[in-house]
Amino acid sequence: MAILGKMDQTLASKGISMTIAPLGAVCAVLFATPSSPAARKYNMFMAQIGCAAIGVLAFSLLGPGWLARSTALGASIAFMIYTRSTHPPGNTLKYLCQWICPYF
């Protein structure tokens, strides 16, 4: 995290940010409660990747707005239940993906 912080500080003058809030929450879960089910590697990777893909897909199909966000929320929760990869910080990654998609 210190390396990402230094990279963020260096790139901030160019308008680029390395700050990713969901990954900070992942570090909190991983280091504060390493024995919890949410800190399992499978849960972390599956939820992060799956929820990010769901967020981008919802944005692509429904455009920006409340409908894409609410659809992505429900689909992400259903995805994590179906794959048994419940990881609360992963569910916030879909919003990040929807917020940065318009810039690409």
PDB file of N, CA and C in Angstrom:
ATOM      1  N   MET A   1       0.822  -1.182   0.000  1.00  0.00           N
ATOM      2  CA  MET A   1       0.000   0.000   0.000  1.00  0.00           C
ATOM      3  C   MET A   1       0.868   1.249   0.000  1.00  0.00           C
ATOM      4  N   ALA A   2       2.016   1.168   0.678  1.00  0.00           N
ATOM      5  CA  ALA A   2       2.913   2.324   0.704  1.00  0.00           C
ATOM      6  C   ALA A   2       3.443   2.620  -0.691  1.00  0.00           C
ATOM      7  N   ILE A   3       3.705   1.588  -1.462  1.00  0.00           N
ATOM      8  CA  ILE A   3       4.197   1.775  -2.835  1.00  0.00           C
ATOM      9  C   ILE A   3       3.114   2.421  -3.690  1.00  0.00           C
ATOM     10  N   LEU A   4       1.859   1.939  -3.543  1.00  0.00           N
ATOM     11  CA  LEU A   4       0.753   2.558  -4.288  1.00  0.00           C
ATOM     12  C   LEU A   4       0.554   4.007  -3.868  1.00  0.00           C
ATOM     13  N   GLY A   5       0.711   4.290  -2.579  1.00  0.00           N
ATOM     14  CA  GLY A   5       0.593   5.661  -2.104  1.00  0.00           C
ATOM     15  C   GLY A   5       1.646   6.567  -2.698  1.00  0.00           C
ATOM     16  N   LYS A   6       2.876   6.081  -2.791  1.00  0.00           N
ATOM     17  CA  LYS A   6       3.962   6.872  -3.384  1.00  0.00           C
ATOM     18  C   LYS A   6       3.718   7.074  -4.886  1.00  0.00           C
ATOM     19  N   MET A   7       3.237   6.025  -5.566  1.00  0.00           N
ATOM     20  CA  MET A   7       2.923   6.153  -6.993  1.00  0.00           C
ATOM     21  C   MET A   7       1.804   7.163  -7.200  1.00  0.00           C
ATOM     22  N   ASP A   8       0.804   7.138  -6.324  1.00  0.00           N
ATOM     23  CA  ASP A   8      -0.310   8.080  -6.417  1.00  0.00           C
ATOM     24  C   ASP A   8       0.187   9.510  -6.224  1.00  0.00           C
ATOM     25  N   GLN A   9       1.066   9.704  -5.282  1.00  0.00           N
ATOM     26  CA  GLN A   9       1.618  11.034  -5.028  1.00  0.00           C
ATOM     27  C   GLN A   9       2.425  11.522  -6.229  1.00  0.00           C
ATOM     28  N   THR A  10       3.187  10.636  -6.850  1.00  0.00           N
ATOM     29  CA  THR A  10       4.003  11.009  -8.008  1.00  0.00           C
ATOM     30  C   THR A  10       3.140  11.325  -9.222  1.00  0.00           C
ATOM     31  N   LEU A  11       2.093  10.537  -9.441  1.00  0.00           N
ATOM     32  CA  LEU A  11       1.255  10.709 -10.634  1.00  0.00           C
ATOM     33  C   LEU A  11       0.168  11.767 -10.476  1.00  0.00           C
ATOM     34  N   ALA A  12      -0.065  12.240  -9.263  1.00  0.00           N
ATOM     35  CA  ALA A  12      -1.133  13.221  -9.022  1.00  0.00           C
ATOM     36  C   ALA A  12      -0.912  14.510  -9.805  1.00  0.00           C
ATOM     37  N   SER A  13       0.330  14.899  -9.992  1.00  0.00           N
ATOM     38  CA  SER A  13       0.602  16.125 -10.742  1.00  0.00           C
ATOM     39  C   SER A  13       0.216  15.995 -12.216  1.00  0.00           C
ATOM     40  N   LYS A  14       0.114  14.755 -12.716  1.00  0.00           N
ATOM     41  CA  LYS A  14      -0.269  14.510 -14.110  1.00  0.00           C
ATOM     42  C   LYS A  14      -1.760  14.225 -14.250  1.00  0.00           C
ATOM     43  N   GLY A  15      -2.491  14.291 -13.125  1.00  0.00           N
ATOM     44  CA  GLY A  15      -3.930  14.058 -13.171  1.00  0.00           C
ATOM     45  C   GLY A  15      -4.321  12.599 -13.130  1.00  0.00           C
ATOM     46  N   ILE A  16      -3.402  11.720 -12.741  1.00  0.00           N
ATOM     47  CA  ILE A  16      -3.669  10.292 -12.667  1.00  0.00           C
ATOM     48  C   ILE A  16      -3.697   9.888 -11.199  1.00  0.00           C
ATOM     49  N   SER A  17      -4.664   9.085 -10.813  1.00  0.00           N
ATOM     50  CA  SER A  17      -4.766   8.655  -9.423  1.00  0.00           C
ATOM     51  C   SER A  17      -4.704   7.136  -9.326  1.00  0.00           C
ATOM     52  N   MET A  18      -3.965   6.654  -8.354  1.00  0.00           N
ATOM     53  CA  MET A  18      -3.878   5.217  -8.089  1.00  0.00           C
ATOM     54  C   MET A  18      -4.739   4.832  -6.889  1.00  0.00           C
ATOM     55  N   THR A  19      -5.503   5.783  -6.351  1.00  0.00           N
ATOM     56  CA  THR A  19      -6.312   5.527  -5.175  1.00  0.00           C
ATOM     57  C   THR A  19      -7.540   4.710  -5.568  1.00  0.00           C
ATOM     58  N   ILE A  20      -7.674   3.553  -4.973  1.00  0.00           N
ATOM     59  CA  ILE A  20      -8.813   2.682  -5.245  1.00  0.00           C
ATOM     60  C   ILE A  20      -9.397   2.281  -3.901  1.00  0.00           C
ATOM     61  N   ALA A  21     -10.513   2.879  -3.544  1.00  0.00           N
ATOM     62  CA  ALA A  21     -11.111   2.669  -2.216  1.00  0.00           C
ATOM     63  C   ALA A  21     -11.429   1.209  -1.910  1.00  0.00           C
ATOM     64  N   PRO A  22     -12.008   0.435  -2.831  1.00  0.00           N
ATOM     65  CA  PRO A  22     -12.306  -0.955  -2.486  1.00  0.00           C
ATOM     66  C   PRO A  22     -11.066  -1.766  -2.122  1.00  0.00           C
ATOM     67  N   LEU A  23      -9.929  -1.454  -2.718  1.00  0.00           N
ATOM     68  CA  LEU A  23      -8.721  -2.206  -2.395  1.00  0.00           C
ATOM     69  C   LEU A  23      -8.209  -1.835  -1.008  1.00  0.00           C
ATOM     70  N   GLY A  24      -8.453  -0.622  -0.566  1.00  0.00           N
ATOM     71  CA  GLY A  24      -8.133  -0.254   0.813  1.00  0.00           C
ATOM     72  C   GLY A  24      -8.994  -1.036   1.790  1.00  0.00           C
ATOM     73  N   ALA A  25     -10.263  -1.225   1.452  1.00  0.00           N
ATOM     74  CA  ALA A  25     -11.154  -2.016   2.301  1.00  0.00           C
ATOM     75  C   ALA A  25     -10.730  -3.479   2.320  1.00  0.00           C
ATOM     76  N   VAL A  26     -10.240  -3.976   1.198  1.00  0.00           N
ATOM     77  CA  VAL A  26      -9.724  -5.349   1.147  1.00  0.00           C
ATOM     78  C   VAL A  26      -8.546  -5.501   2.101  1.00  0.00           C
ATOM     79  N   CYS A  27      -7.656  -4.526   2.108  1.00  0.00           N
ATOM     80  CA  CYS A  27      -6.508  -4.579   3.023  1.00  0.00           C
ATOM     81  C   CYS A  27      -6.971  -4.557   4.474  1.00  0.00           C
ATOM     82  N   ALA A  28      -7.990  -3.774   4.763  1.00  0.00           N
ATOM     83  CA  ALA A  28      -8.510  -3.730   6.132  1.00  0.00           C
ATOM     84  C   ALA A  28      -9.063  -5.093   6.543  1.00  0.00           C
ATOM     85  N   VAL A  29      -9.827  -5.719   5.651  1.00  0.00           N
ATOM     86  CA  VAL A  29     -10.377  -7.046   5.957  1.00  0.00           C
ATOM     87  C   VAL A  29      -9.256  -8.066   6.076  1.00  0.00           C
ATOM     88  N   LEU A  30      -8.314  -8.024   5.164  1.00  0.00           N
ATOM     89  CA  LEU A  30      -7.241  -9.019   5.137  1.00  0.00           C
ATOM     90  C   LEU A  30      -6.330  -8.927   6.352  1.00  0.00           C
ATOM     91  N   PHE A  31      -5.950  -7.719   6.738  1.00  0.00           N
ATOM     92  CA  PHE A  31      -4.996  -7.572   7.833  1.00  0.00           C
ATOM     93  C   PHE A  31      -5.661  -7.486   9.206  1.00  0.00           C
ATOM     94  N   ALA A  32      -6.874  -6.969   9.299  1.00  0.00           N
ATOM     95  CA  ALA A  32      -7.533  -6.842  10.598  1.00  0.00           C
ATOM     96  C   ALA A  32      -8.195  -8.147  11.033  1.00  0.00           C
ATOM     97  N   THR A  33      -8.769  -8.875  10.076  1.00  0.00           N
ATOM     98  CA  THR A  33      -9.457 -10.131  10.401  1.00  0.00           C
ATOM     99  C   THR A  33      -9.041 -11.226   9.418  1.00  0.00           C
ATOM    100  N   PRO A  34      -7.795 -11.680   9.486  1.00  0.00           N
ATOM    101  CA  PRO A  34      -7.317 -12.648   8.489  1.00  0.00           C
ATOM    102  C   PRO A  34      -8.001 -14.006   8.547  1.00  0.00           C
ATOM    103  N   SER A  35      -8.641 -14.346   9.667  1.00  0.00           N
ATOM    104  CA  SER A  35      -9.286 -15.652   9.760  1.00  0.00           C
ATOM    105  C   SER A  35     -10.774 -15.615   9.393  1.00  0.00           C
ATOM    106  N   SER A  36     -11.293 -14.442   9.029  1.00  0.00           N
ATOM    107  CA  SER A  36     -12.712 -14.359   8.690  1.00  0.00           C
ATOM    108  C   SER A  36     -12.967 -14.950   7.300  1.00  0.00           C
ATOM    109  N   PRO A  37     -14.183 -15.405   7.044  1.00  0.00           N
ATOM    110  CA  PRO A  37     -14.504 -15.955   5.716  1.00  0.00           C
ATOM    111  C   PRO A  37     -14.323 -14.938   4.584  1.00  0.00           C
ATOM    112  N   ALA A  38     -14.528 -13.655   4.875  1.00  0.00           N
ATOM    113  CA  ALA A  38     -14.380 -12.634   3.834  1.00  0.00           C
ATOM    114  C   ALA A  38     -12.927 -12.449   3.415  1.00  0.00           C
ATOM    115  N   ALA A  39     -11.983 -12.919   4.238  1.00  0.00           N
ATOM    116  CA  ALA A  39     -10.563 -12.761   3.922  1.00  0.00           C
ATOM    117  C   ALA A  39      -9.989 -13.953   3.150  1.00  0.00           C
ATOM    118  N   ARG A  40     -10.826 -14.928   2.813  1.00  0.00           N
ATOM    119  CA  ARG A  40     -10.339 -16.064   2.020  1.00  0.00           C
ATOM    120  C   ARG A  40      -9.938 -15.589   0.626  1.00  0.00           C
ATOM    121  N   LYS A  41      -8.872 -16.147   0.097  1.00  0.00           N
ATOM    122  CA  LYS A  41      -8.376 -15.738  -1.226  1.00  0.00           C
ATOM    123  C   LYS A  41      -9.441 -15.922  -2.302  1.00  0.00           C
ATOM    124  N   TYR A  42     -10.141 -17.055  -2.271  1.00  0.00           N
ATOM    125  CA  TYR A  42     -11.178 -17.312  -3.273  1.00  0.00           C
ATOM    126  C   TYR A  42     -12.243 -16.223  -3.233  1.00  0.00           C
ATOM    127  N   ASN A  43     -12.690 -15.886  -2.022  1.00  0.00           N
ATOM    128  CA  ASN A  43     -13.724 -14.859  -1.889  1.00  0.00           C
ATOM    129  C   ASN A  43     -13.240 -13.521  -2.417  1.00  0.00           C
ATOM    130  N   MET A  44     -12.011 -13.161  -2.064  1.00  0.00           N
ATOM    131  CA  MET A  44     -11.501 -11.853  -2.495  1.00  0.00           C
ATOM    132  C   MET A  44     -11.389 -11.755  -4.013  1.00  0.00           C
ATOM    133  N   PHE A  45     -10.748 -12.713  -4.626  1.00  0.00           N
ATOM    134  CA  PHE A  45     -10.530 -12.626  -6.072  1.00  0.00           C
ATOM    135  C   PHE A  45     -11.817 -12.810  -6.866  1.00  0.00           C
ATOM    136  N   MET A  46     -12.614 -13.779  -6.476  1.00  0.00           N
ATOM    137  CA  MET A  46     -13.852 -14.040  -7.215  1.00  0.00           C
ATOM    138  C   MET A  46     -14.804 -12.854  -7.121  1.00  0.00           C
ATOM    139  N   ALA A  47     -14.962 -12.289  -5.929  1.00  0.00           N
ATOM    140  CA  ALA A  47     -15.885 -11.167  -5.759  1.00  0.00           C
ATOM    141  C   ALA A  47     -15.364  -9.914  -6.447  1.00  0.00           C
ATOM    142  N   GLN A  48     -14.082  -9.629  -6.340  1.00  0.00           N
ATOM    143  CA  GLN A  48     -13.532  -8.425  -6.980  1.00  0.00           C
ATOM    144  C   GLN A  48     -13.683  -8.495  -8.498  1.00  0.00           C
ATOM    145  N   ILE A  49     -13.270  -9.594  -9.074  1.00  0.00           N
ATOM    146  CA  ILE A  49     -13.319  -9.724 -10.542  1.00  0.00           C
ATOM    147  C   ILE A  49     -14.765  -9.811 -11.034  1.00  0.00           C
ATOM    148  N   GLY A  50     -15.578 -10.620 -10.375  1.00  0.00           N
ATOM    149  CA  GLY A  50     -16.965 -10.785 -10.802  1.00  0.00           C
ATOM    150  C   GLY A  50     -17.777  -9.506 -10.684  1.00  0.00           C
ATOM    151  N   CYS A  51     -17.646  -8.809  -9.555  1.00  0.00           N
ATOM    152  CA  CYS A  51     -18.412  -7.578  -9.359  1.00  0.00           C
ATOM    153  C   CYS A  51     -17.951  -6.462 -10.294  1.00  0.00           C
ATOM    154  N   ALA A  52     -16.650  -6.418 -10.573  1.00  0.00           N
ATOM    155  CA  ALA A  52     -16.159  -5.422 -11.531  1.00  0.00           C
ATOM    156  C   ALA A  52     -16.743  -5.693 -12.924  1.00  0.00           C
ATOM    157  N   ALA A  53     -16.758  -6.950 -13.328  1.00  0.00           N
ATOM    158  CA  ALA A  53     -17.316  -7.301 -14.639  1.00  0.00           C
ATOM    159  C   ALA A  53     -18.815  -6.996 -14.696  1.00  0.00           C
ATOM    160  N   ILE A  54     -19.514  -7.266 -13.621  1.00  0.00           N
ATOM    161  CA  ILE A  54     -20.949  -6.969 -13.568  1.00  0.00           C
ATOM    162  C   ILE A  54     -21.182  -5.467 -13.660  1.00  0.00           C
ATOM    163  N   GLY A  55     -20.356  -4.678 -12.983  1.00  0.00           N
ATOM    164  CA  GLY A  55     -20.493  -3.225 -13.044  1.00  0.00           C
ATOM    165  C   GLY A  55     -20.285  -2.677 -14.440  1.00  0.00           C
ATOM    166  N   VAL A  56     -19.263  -3.162 -15.121  1.00  0.00           N
ATOM    167  CA  VAL A  56     -18.996  -2.702 -16.489  1.00  0.00           C
ATOM    168  C   VAL A  56     -20.099  -3.157 -17.433  1.00  0.00           C
ATOM    169  N   LEU A  57     -20.574  -4.382 -17.266  1.00  0.00           N
ATOM    170  CA  LEU A  57     -21.654  -4.892 -18.117  1.00  0.00           C
ATOM    171  C   LEU A  57     -22.939  -4.090 -17.917  1.00  0.00           C
ATOM    172  N   ALA A  58     -23.282  -3.794 -16.668  1.00  0.00           N
ATOM    173  CA  ALA A  58     -24.497  -3.014 -16.401  1.00  0.00           C
ATOM    174  C   ALA A  58     -24.381  -1.608 -16.980  1.00  0.00           C
ATOM    175  N   PHE A  59     -23.204  -1.013 -16.851  1.00  0.00           N
ATOM    176  CA  PHE A  59     -22.999   0.313 -17.434  1.00  0.00           C
ATOM    177  C   PHE A  59     -23.099   0.265 -18.950  1.00  0.00           C
ATOM    178  N   SER A  60     -22.526  -0.765 -19.550  1.00  0.00           N
ATOM    179  CA  SER A  60     -22.546  -0.892 -21.018  1.00  0.00           C
ATOM    180  C   SER A  60     -23.963  -1.089 -21.547  1.00  0.00           C
ATOM    181  N   LEU A  61     -24.756  -1.870 -20.840  1.00  0.00           N
ATOM    182  CA  LEU A  61     -26.108  -2.163 -21.315  1.00  0.00           C
ATOM    183  C   LEU A  61     -27.125  -1.086 -20.955  1.00  0.00           C
ATOM    184  N   LEU A  62     -26.985  -0.501 -19.756  1.00  0.00           N
ATOM    185  CA  LEU A  62     -28.019   0.411 -19.262  1.00  0.00           C
ATOM    186  C   LEU A  62     -27.591   1.871 -19.216  1.00  0.00           C
ATOM    187  N   GLY A  63     -26.315   2.129 -19.462  1.00  0.00           N
ATOM    188  CA  GLY A  63     -25.822   3.505 -19.428  1.00  0.00           C
ATOM    189  C   GLY A  63     -25.659   4.001 -18.003  1.00  0.00           C
ATOM    190  N   PRO A  64     -25.203   5.238 -17.870  1.00  0.00           N
ATOM    191  CA  PRO A  64     -25.017   5.771 -16.520  1.00  0.00           C
ATOM    192  C   PRO A  64     -26.373   6.084 -15.876  1.00  0.00           C
ATOM    193  N   GLY A  65     -26.450   5.915 -14.594  1.00  0.00           N
ATOM    194  CA  GLY A  65     -27.692   6.252 -13.901  1.00  0.00           C
ATOM    195  C   GLY A  65     -28.061   5.246 -12.842  1.00  0.00           C
ATOM    196  N   TRP A  66     -29.191   5.516 -12.227  1.00  0.00           N
ATOM    197  CA  TRP A  66     -29.622   4.712 -11.088  1.00  0.00           C
ATOM    198  C   TRP A  66     -29.981   3.291 -11.483  1.00  0.00           C
ATOM    199  N   LEU A  67     -30.503   3.092 -12.678  1.00  0.00           N
ATOM    200  CA  LEU A  67     -30.916   1.744 -13.087  1.00  0.00           C
ATOM    201  C   LEU A  67     -29.708   0.821 -13.215  1.00  0.00           C
ATOM    202  N   ALA A  68     -28.631   1.310 -13.801  1.00  0.00           N
ATOM    203  CA  ALA A  68     -27.418   0.491 -13.934  1.00  0.00           C
ATOM    204  C   ALA A  68     -26.827   0.178 -12.566  1.00  0.00           C
ATOM    205  N   ARG A  69     -26.818   1.176 -11.677  1.00  0.00           N
ATOM    206  CA  ARG A  69     -26.242   0.954 -10.343  1.00  0.00           C
ATOM    207  C   ARG A  69     -27.068  -0.038  -9.533  1.00  0.00           C
ATOM    208  N   SER A  70     -28.377   0.113  -9.564  1.00  0.00           N
ATOM    209  CA  SER A  70     -29.214  -0.791  -8.772  1.00  0.00           C
ATOM    210  C   SER A  70     -29.223  -2.206  -9.364  1.00  0.00           C
ATOM    211  N   THR A  71     -29.197  -2.318 -10.683  1.00  0.00           N
ATOM    212  CA  THR A  71     -29.130  -3.630 -11.314  1.00  0.00           C
ATOM    213  C   THR A  71     -27.809  -4.311 -10.994  1.00  0.00           C
ATOM    214  N   ALA A  72     -26.721  -3.550 -11.047  1.00  0.00           N
ATOM    215  CA  ALA A  72     -25.409  -4.105 -10.731  1.00  0.00           C
ATOM    216  C   ALA A  72     -25.327  -4.541  -9.272  1.00  0.00           C
ATOM    217  N   LEU A  73     -25.945  -3.791  -8.388  1.00  0.00           N
ATOM    218  CA  LEU A  73     -25.947  -4.157  -6.976  1.00  0.00           C
ATOM    219  C   LEU A  73     -26.638  -5.504  -6.763  1.00  0.00           C
ATOM    220  N   GLY A  74     -27.837  -5.639  -7.305  1.00  0.00           N
ATOM    221  CA  GLY A  74     -28.565  -6.904  -7.162  1.00  0.00           C
ATOM    222  C   GLY A  74     -27.853  -8.069  -7.821  1.00  0.00           C
ATOM    223  N   ALA A  75     -27.313  -7.836  -9.016  1.00  0.00           N
ATOM    224  CA  ALA A  75     -26.600  -8.899  -9.727  1.00  0.00           C
ATOM    225  C   ALA A  75     -25.314  -9.285  -8.997  1.00  0.00           C
ATOM    226  N   SER A  76     -24.629  -8.319  -8.411  1.00  0.00           N
ATOM    227  CA  SER A  76     -23.387  -8.618  -7.679  1.00  0.00           C
ATOM    228  C   SER A  76     -23.668  -9.444  -6.436  1.00  0.00           C
ATOM    229  N   ILE A  77     -24.721  -9.087  -5.718  1.00  0.00           N
ATOM    230  CA  ILE A  77     -25.076  -9.865  -4.532  1.00  0.00           C
ATOM    231  C   ILE A  77     -25.478 -11.284  -4.924  1.00  0.00           C
ATOM    232  N   ALA A  78     -26.265 -11.414  -5.973  1.00  0.00           N
ATOM    233  CA  ALA A  78     -26.662 -12.738  -6.447  1.00  0.00           C
ATOM    234  C   ALA A  78     -25.443 -13.542  -6.910  1.00  0.00           C
ATOM    235  N   PHE A  79     -24.501 -12.886  -7.588  1.00  0.00           N
ATOM    236  CA  PHE A  79     -23.280 -13.552  -8.042  1.00  0.00           C
ATOM    237  C   PHE A  79     -22.472 -14.079  -6.857  1.00  0.00           C
ATOM    238  N   MET A  80     -22.310 -13.241  -5.833  1.00  0.00           N
ATOM    239  CA  MET A  80     -21.515 -13.673  -4.678  1.00  0.00           C
ATOM    240  C   MET A  80     -22.201 -14.800  -3.908  1.00  0.00           C
ATOM    241  N   ILE A  81     -23.519 -14.778  -3.831  1.00  0.00           N
ATOM    242  CA  ILE A  81     -24.234 -15.864  -3.161  1.00  0.00           C
ATOM    243  C   ILE A  81     -24.117 -17.145  -3.979  1.00  0.00           C
ATOM    244  N   TYR A  82     -24.296 -17.034  -5.291  1.00  0.00           N
ATOM    245  CA  TYR A  82     -24.240 -18.214  -6.166  1.00  0.00           C
ATOM    246  C   TYR A  82     -22.854 -18.862  -6.156  1.00  0.00           C
ATOM    247  N   THR A  83     -21.805 -18.046  -6.188  1.00  0.00           N
ATOM    248  CA  THR A  83     -20.441 -18.587  -6.220  1.00  0.00           C
ATOM    249  C   THR A  83     -19.867 -18.818  -4.821  1.00  0.00           C
ATOM    250  N   ARG A  84     -20.651 -18.494  -3.797  1.00  0.00           N
ATOM    251  CA  ARG A  84     -20.211 -18.622  -2.402  1.00  0.00           C
ATOM    252  C   ARG A  84     -18.904 -17.881  -2.156  1.00  0.00           C
ATOM    253  N   SER A  85     -18.877 -16.668  -2.660  1.00  0.00           N
ATOM    254  CA  SER A  85     -17.677 -15.837  -2.518  1.00  0.00           C
ATOM    255  C   SER A  85     -18.039 -14.487  -1.904  1.00  0.00           C
ATOM    256  N   THR A  86     -18.782 -14.507  -0.812  1.00  0.00           N
ATOM    257  CA  THR A  86     -19.218 -13.265  -0.188  1.00  0.00           C
ATOM    258  C   THR A  86     -18.026 -12.475   0.330  1.00  0.00           C
ATOM    259  N   HIS A  87     -17.891 -11.275  -0.189  1.00  0.00           N
ATOM    260  CA  HIS A  87     -16.783 -10.395   0.178  1.00  0.00           C
ATOM    261  C   HIS A  87     -17.292  -8.960   0.038  1.00  0.00           C
ATOM    262  N   PRO A  88     -17.705  -8.311   1.145  1.00  0.00           N
ATOM    263  CA  PRO A  88     -18.335  -6.985   1.063  1.00  0.00           C
ATOM    264  C   PRO A  88     -17.539  -5.922   0.291  1.00  0.00           C
ATOM    265  N   PRO A  89     -16.215  -5.796   0.445  1.00  0.00           N
ATOM    266  CA  PRO A  89     -15.526  -4.771  -0.350  1.00  0.00           C
ATOM    267  C   PRO A  89     -15.608  -5.010  -1.863  1.00  0.00           C
ATOM    268  N   GLY A  90     -15.744  -6.260  -2.271  1.00  0.00           N
ATOM    269  CA  GLY A  90     -15.870  -6.551  -3.698  1.00  0.00           C
ATOM    270  C   GLY A  90     -17.128  -5.966  -4.296  1.00  0.00           C
ATOM    271  N   ASN A  91     -18.152  -5.827  -3.485  1.00  0.00           N
ATOM    272  CA  ASN A  91     -19.418  -5.294  -3.967  1.00  0.00           C
ATOM    273  C   ASN A  91     -19.330  -3.800  -4.271  1.00  0.00           C
ATOM    274  N   THR A  92     -18.357  -3.106  -3.704  1.00  0.00           N
ATOM    275  CA  THR A  92     -18.215  -1.675  -3.987  1.00  0.00           C
ATOM    276  C   THR A  92     -17.422  -1.413  -5.260  1.00  0.00           C
ATOM    277  N   LEU A  93     -16.712  -2.415  -5.747  1.00  0.00           N
ATOM    278  CA  LEU A  93     -15.886  -2.219  -6.937  1.00  0.00           C
ATOM    279  C   LEU A  93     -16.723  -1.941  -8.182  1.00  0.00           C
ATOM    280  N   LYS A  94     -17.930  -2.438  -8.231  1.00  0.00           N
ATOM    281  CA  LYS A  94     -18.777  -2.203  -9.411  1.00  0.00           C
ATOM    282  C   LYS A  94     -19.089  -0.728  -9.592  1.00  0.00           C
ATOM    283  N   TYR A  95     -19.239   0.005  -8.478  1.00  0.00           N
ATOM    284  CA  TYR A  95     -19.487   1.445  -8.576  1.00  0.00           C
ATOM    285  C   TYR A  95     -18.264   2.173  -9.117  1.00  0.00           C
ATOM    286  N   LEU A  96     -17.098   1.770  -8.668  1.00  0.00           N
ATOM    287  CA  LEU A  96     -15.871   2.378  -9.179  1.00  0.00           C
ATOM    288  C   LEU A  96     -15.759   2.158 -10.686  1.00  0.00           C
ATOM    289  N   CYS A  97     -16.050   0.948 -11.128  1.00  0.00           N
ATOM    290  CA  CYS A  97     -15.986   0.657 -12.563  1.00  0.00           C
ATOM    291  C   CYS A  97     -17.004   1.475 -13.342  1.00  0.00           C
ATOM    292  N   GLN A  98     -18.176   1.696 -12.773  1.00  0.00           N
ATOM    293  CA  GLN A  98     -19.192   2.488 -13.469  1.00  0.00           C
ATOM    294  C   GLN A  98     -18.825   3.962 -13.500  1.00  0.00           C
ATOM    295  N   TRP A  99     -18.131   4.435 -12.478  1.00  0.00           N
ATOM    296  CA  TRP A  99     -17.749   5.855 -12.453  1.00  0.00           C
ATOM    297  C   TRP A  99     -16.612   6.163 -13.405  1.00  0.00           C
ATOM    298  N   ILE A 100     -15.696   5.206 -13.616  1.00  0.00           N
ATOM    299  CA  ILE A 100     -14.559   5.503 -14.491  1.00  0.00           C
ATOM    300  C   ILE A 100     -14.799   5.088 -15.933  1.00  0.00           C
ATOM    301  N   CYS A 101     -15.823   4.267 -16.216  1.00  0.00           N
ATOM    302  CA  CYS A 101     -16.087   3.834 -17.595  1.00  0.00           C
ATOM    303  C   CYS A 101     -16.296   5.004 -18.569  1.00  0.00           C
ATOM    304  N   PRO A 102     -16.997   6.069 -18.197  1.00  0.00           N
ATOM    305  CA  PRO A 102     -17.212   7.148 -19.172  1.00  0.00           C
ATOM    306  C   PRO A 102     -15.916   7.826 -19.626  1.00  0.00           C
ATOM    307  N   TYR A 103     -14.844   7.667 -18.874  1.00  0.00           N
ATOM    308  CA  TYR A 103     -13.601   8.333 -19.216  1.00  0.00           C
ATOM    309  C   TYR A 103     -12.730   7.539 -20.175  1.00  0.00           C
ATOM    310  N   PHE A 104     -13.149   6.318 -20.528  1.00  0.00           N
ATOM    311  CA  PHE A 104     -12.361   5.501 -21.455  1.00  0.00           C
ATOM    312  C   PHE A 104     -13.022   5.371 -22.789  1.00  0.00           C
TER     313      PHE A 104
END
